[in-house]
Amino acid sequence: MKMLLAIAFGGAVGSVGRYYIADIAERWFVSFLGVGFPFGTLTVNVLGSFVFGALIESFAATVMPSAELRALLFIGVLGSFTTFSAFSSDMFLLFERGEIGRALLYIFASVGISLGAFFAGLRLLRLILT
């Protein structure tokens, strides 16, 4: 039960953080670069990936926190802040293991299949609703 509460609390913090940081970044970038690019989403994905990597390294170099704290931070906060951080971590592990081909396949498959699934879902609902 403690694990679920940690994840739920972290998820609340991460999703609210995503909302505010994406909004601030969007307004800031648009003010001098113009509209038409998802600056807010890019910002939270890059920031979340950075924090994920920094925490992984920090925990590897120091005492490992409890399972509940790791779940709160990685699954809850960063998982709701950006799922791109988990993708970055998985990709890094493949590269670190020397599995370059598998890492590249993972990158292209994740991006390509996810985009394809997004557009397929969008198209399907458009067909159903219109």
C-alpha atoms as a PDB file:
ATOM      1  CA  MET A   1       0.000   0.000   0.000  1.00  0.00           C
ATOM      2  CA  LYS A   2       2.875   2.393   0.803  1.00  0.00           C
ATOM      3  CA  MET A   3       4.252   1.803  -2.695  1.00  0.00           C
ATOM      4  CA  LEU A   4       0.954   2.747  -4.366  1.00  0.00           C
ATOM      5  CA  LEU A   5       0.589   5.865  -2.231  1.00  0.00           C
ATOM      6  CA  ALA A   6       4.154   6.918  -3.081  1.00  0.00           C
ATOM      7  CA  ILE A   7       3.497   6.480  -6.809  1.00  0.00           C
ATOM      8  CA  ALA A   8       0.148   8.280  -6.613  1.00  0.00           C
ATOM      9  CA  PHE A   9       1.613  11.225  -4.715  1.00  0.00           C
ATOM     10  CA  GLY A  10       4.566  11.426  -7.084  1.00  0.00           C
ATOM     11  CA  GLY A  11       2.202  11.266 -10.049  1.00  0.00           C
ATOM     12  CA  ALA A  12       0.232  14.208  -8.714  1.00  0.00           C
ATOM     13  CA  VAL A  13       3.395  16.252  -8.221  1.00  0.00           C
ATOM     14  CA  GLY A  14       4.803  15.346 -11.643  1.00  0.00           C
ATOM     15  CA  SER A  15       1.634  16.030 -13.603  1.00  0.00           C
ATOM     16  CA  VAL A  16       1.091  19.424 -11.974  1.00  0.00           C
ATOM     17  CA  GLY A  17       4.766  20.233 -12.518  1.00  0.00           C
ATOM     18  CA  ARG A  18       4.459  19.257 -16.168  1.00  0.00           C
ATOM     19  CA  TYR A  19       1.463  21.536 -16.609  1.00  0.00           C
ATOM     20  CA  TYR A  20       3.178  24.570 -15.116  1.00  0.00           C
ATOM     21  CA  ILE A  21       6.636  24.088 -16.609  1.00  0.00           C
ATOM     22  CA  ALA A  22       5.276  23.308 -20.081  1.00  0.00           C
ATOM     23  CA  ASP A  23       3.062  26.393 -19.922  1.00  0.00           C
ATOM     24  CA  ILE A  24       5.899  28.669 -18.807  1.00  0.00           C
ATOM     25  CA  ALA A  25       8.295  27.247 -21.409  1.00  0.00           C
ATOM     26  CA  GLU A  26       5.706  27.523 -24.175  1.00  0.00           C
ATOM     27  CA  ARG A  27       5.042  31.188 -23.425  1.00  0.00           C
ATOM     28  CA  TRP A  28       8.744  31.996 -23.065  1.00  0.00           C
ATOM     29  CA  PHE A  29       9.864  30.328 -26.315  1.00  0.00           C
ATOM     30  CA  VAL A  30       6.896  31.598 -28.316  1.00  0.00           C
ATOM     31  CA  SER A  31       7.679  35.151 -27.223  1.00  0.00           C
ATOM     32  CA  PHE A  32      10.799  35.200 -29.397  1.00  0.00           C
ATOM     33  CA  LEU A  33      10.622  32.126 -31.660  1.00  0.00           C
ATOM     34  CA  GLY A  34       6.960  32.200 -32.650  1.00  0.00           C
ATOM     35  CA  VAL A  35       4.203  29.609 -32.576  1.00  0.00           C
ATOM     36  CA  GLY A  36       3.955  26.298 -34.347  1.00  0.00           C
ATOM     37  CA  PHE A  37       6.366  24.099 -32.384  1.00  0.00           C
ATOM     38  CA  PRO A  38       5.653  22.140 -29.151  1.00  0.00           C
ATOM     39  CA  PHE A  39       8.211  23.981 -27.030  1.00  0.00           C
ATOM     40  CA  GLY A  40       6.488  23.087 -23.751  1.00  0.00           C
ATOM     41  CA  THR A  41       6.463  19.361 -24.448  1.00  0.00           C
ATOM     42  CA  LEU A  42      10.041  19.411 -25.677  1.00  0.00           C
ATOM     43  CA  THR A  43      11.117  21.287 -22.551  1.00  0.00           C
ATOM     44  CA  VAL A  44       9.529  18.844 -20.101  1.00  0.00           C
ATOM     45  CA  ASN A  45      10.838  15.841 -22.048  1.00  0.00           C
ATOM     46  CA  VAL A  46      14.394  17.175 -22.058  1.00  0.00           C
ATOM     47  CA  LEU A  47      14.218  18.342 -18.439  1.00  0.00           C
ATOM     48  CA  GLY A  48      12.652  15.078 -17.284  1.00  0.00           C
ATOM     49  CA  SER A  49      15.285  13.039 -19.111  1.00  0.00           C
ATOM     50  CA  PHE A  50      18.035  15.145 -17.553  1.00  0.00           C
ATOM     51  CA  VAL A  51      16.644  14.727 -14.032  1.00  0.00           C
ATOM     52  CA  PHE A  52      16.097  10.981 -14.584  1.00  0.00           C
ATOM     53  CA  GLY A  53      19.715  10.536 -15.675  1.00  0.00           C
ATOM     54  CA  ALA A  54      21.047  12.696 -12.869  1.00  0.00           C
ATOM     55  CA  LEU A  55      19.081  10.760 -10.245  1.00  0.00           C
ATOM     56  CA  ILE A  56      20.144   7.377 -11.639  1.00  0.00           C
ATOM     57  CA  GLU A  57      23.796   8.415 -11.483  1.00  0.00           C
ATOM     58  CA  SER A  58      23.396  10.005  -8.067  1.00  0.00           C
ATOM     59  CA  PHE A  59      21.807   6.877  -6.620  1.00  0.00           C
ATOM     60  CA  ALA A  60      24.457   4.656  -8.225  1.00  0.00           C
ATOM     61  CA  ALA A  61      27.211   6.754  -6.648  1.00  0.00           C
ATOM     62  CA  THR A  62      25.624   7.048  -3.195  1.00  0.00           C
ATOM     63  CA  VAL A  63      23.355   5.017  -0.955  1.00  0.00           C
ATOM     64  CA  MET A  64      20.334   3.629  -2.781  1.00  0.00           C
ATOM     65  CA  PRO A  65      17.083   5.105  -1.413  1.00  0.00           C
ATOM     66  CA  SER A  66      14.148   2.942  -0.404  1.00  0.00           C
ATOM     67  CA  ALA A  67      11.987   1.240  -3.012  1.00  0.00           C
ATOM     68  CA  GLU A  68       9.130   3.601  -2.118  1.00  0.00           C
ATOM     69  CA  LEU A  69      11.249   6.710  -2.657  1.00  0.00           C
ATOM     70  CA  ARG A  70      12.559   5.371  -5.982  1.00  0.00           C
ATOM     71  CA  ALA A  71       8.982   4.593  -7.077  1.00  0.00           C
ATOM     72  CA  LEU A  72       7.792   8.036  -5.974  1.00  0.00           C
ATOM     73  CA  LEU A  73      10.542   9.757  -7.974  1.00  0.00           C
ATOM     74  CA  PHE A  74      10.900   7.573 -11.079  1.00  0.00           C
ATOM     75  CA  ILE A  75       7.423   6.133 -11.631  1.00  0.00           C
ATOM     76  CA  GLY A  76       5.368   8.830  -9.951  1.00  0.00           C
ATOM     77  CA  VAL A  77       7.034  12.210 -10.431  1.00  0.00           C
ATOM     78  CA  LEU A  78       9.079  11.597 -13.573  1.00  0.00           C
ATOM     79  CA  GLY A  79       6.647   9.084 -15.036  1.00  0.00           C
ATOM     80  CA  SER A  80       3.863  11.640 -14.997  1.00  0.00           C
ATOM     81  CA  PHE A  81       6.171  14.552 -15.786  1.00  0.00           C
ATOM     82  CA  THR A  82       7.425  12.779 -18.901  1.00  0.00           C
ATOM     83  CA  THR A  83       7.481   9.198 -20.097  1.00  0.00           C
ATOM     84  CA  PHE A  84      10.317  10.204 -22.387  1.00  0.00           C
ATOM     85  CA  SER A  85      12.673   9.925 -19.437  1.00  0.00           C
ATOM     86  CA  ALA A  86      11.983   6.185 -19.169  1.00  0.00           C
ATOM     87  CA  PHE A  87      12.574   5.793 -22.908  1.00  0.00           C
ATOM     88  CA  SER A  88      15.883   7.639 -22.580  1.00  0.00           C
ATOM     89  CA  SER A  89      16.940   5.421 -19.693  1.00  0.00           C
ATOM     90  CA  ASP A  90      16.088   2.198 -21.566  1.00  0.00           C
ATOM     91  CA  MET A  91      17.933   3.422 -24.656  1.00  0.00           C
ATOM     92  CA  PHE A  92      20.990   4.360 -22.587  1.00  0.00           C
ATOM     93  CA  LEU A  93      21.142   0.905 -21.003  1.00  0.00           C
ATOM     94  CA  LEU A  94      21.168  -0.714 -24.446  1.00  0.00           C
ATOM     95  CA  PHE A  95      23.987   1.598 -25.601  1.00  0.00           C
ATOM     96  CA  GLU A  96      25.914   1.057 -22.361  1.00  0.00           C
ATOM     97  CA  ARG A  97      25.721  -2.712 -22.872  1.00  0.00           C
ATOM     98  CA  GLY A  98      27.179  -2.241 -26.351  1.00  0.00           C
ATOM     99  CA  GLU A  99      23.940  -3.273 -28.035  1.00  0.00           C
ATOM    100  CA  ILE A 100      24.095  -0.453 -30.585  1.00  0.00           C
ATOM    101  CA  GLY A 101      21.906  -2.174 -33.180  1.00  0.00           C
ATOM    102  CA  ARG A 102      19.224  -2.989 -30.649  1.00  0.00           C
ATOM    103  CA  ALA A 103      19.382   0.543 -29.240  1.00  0.00           C
ATOM    104  CA  LEU A 104      18.900   2.062 -32.697  1.00  0.00           C
ATOM    105  CA  LEU A 105      16.068  -0.365 -33.420  1.00  0.00           C
ATOM    106  CA  TYR A 106      14.471   0.604 -30.107  1.00  0.00           C
ATOM    107  CA  ILE A 107      14.747   4.308 -30.925  1.00  0.00           C
ATOM    108  CA  PHE A 108      13.266   4.005 -34.406  1.00  0.00           C
ATOM    109  CA  ALA A 109      10.618   1.477 -33.380  1.00  0.00           C
ATOM    110  CA  SER A 110       9.547   3.486 -30.321  1.00  0.00           C
ATOM    111  CA  VAL A 111       9.262   6.743 -32.193  1.00  0.00           C
ATOM    112  CA  GLY A 112       7.919   5.273 -35.438  1.00  0.00           C
ATOM    113  CA  ILE A 113       5.427   2.843 -33.931  1.00  0.00           C
ATOM    114  CA  SER A 114       4.259   5.337 -31.310  1.00  0.00           C
ATOM    115  CA  LEU A 115       3.667   7.994 -33.953  1.00  0.00           C
ATOM    116  CA  GLY A 116       1.959   5.438 -36.170  1.00  0.00           C
ATOM    117  CA  ALA A 117      -0.269   4.307 -33.295  1.00  0.00           C
ATOM    118  CA  PHE A 118      -1.113   7.917 -32.450  1.00  0.00           C
ATOM    119  CA  PHE A 119      -2.182   8.653 -36.016  1.00  0.00           C
ATOM    120  CA  ALA A 120      -4.051   5.329 -36.295  1.00  0.00           C
ATOM    121  CA  GLY A 121      -6.020   6.070 -33.125  1.00  0.00           C
ATOM    122  CA  LEU A 122      -6.728   9.591 -34.286  1.00  0.00           C
ATOM    123  CA  ARG A 123      -7.876   8.413 -37.721  1.00  0.00           C
ATOM    124  CA  LEU A 124     -10.020   5.619 -36.276  1.00  0.00           C
ATOM    125  CA  LEU A 125     -11.848   7.975 -33.943  1.00  0.00           C
ATOM    126  CA  ARG A 126     -12.328  10.510 -36.706  1.00  0.00           C
ATOM    127  CA  LEU A 127     -13.928   7.788 -38.826  1.00  0.00           C
ATOM    128  CA  ILE A 128     -16.143   6.639 -35.992  1.00  0.00           C
ATOM    129  CA  LEU A 129     -17.212  10.131 -34.887  1.00  0.00           C
ATOM    130  CA  THR A 130     -17.858  11.627 -38.302  1.00  0.00           C
END
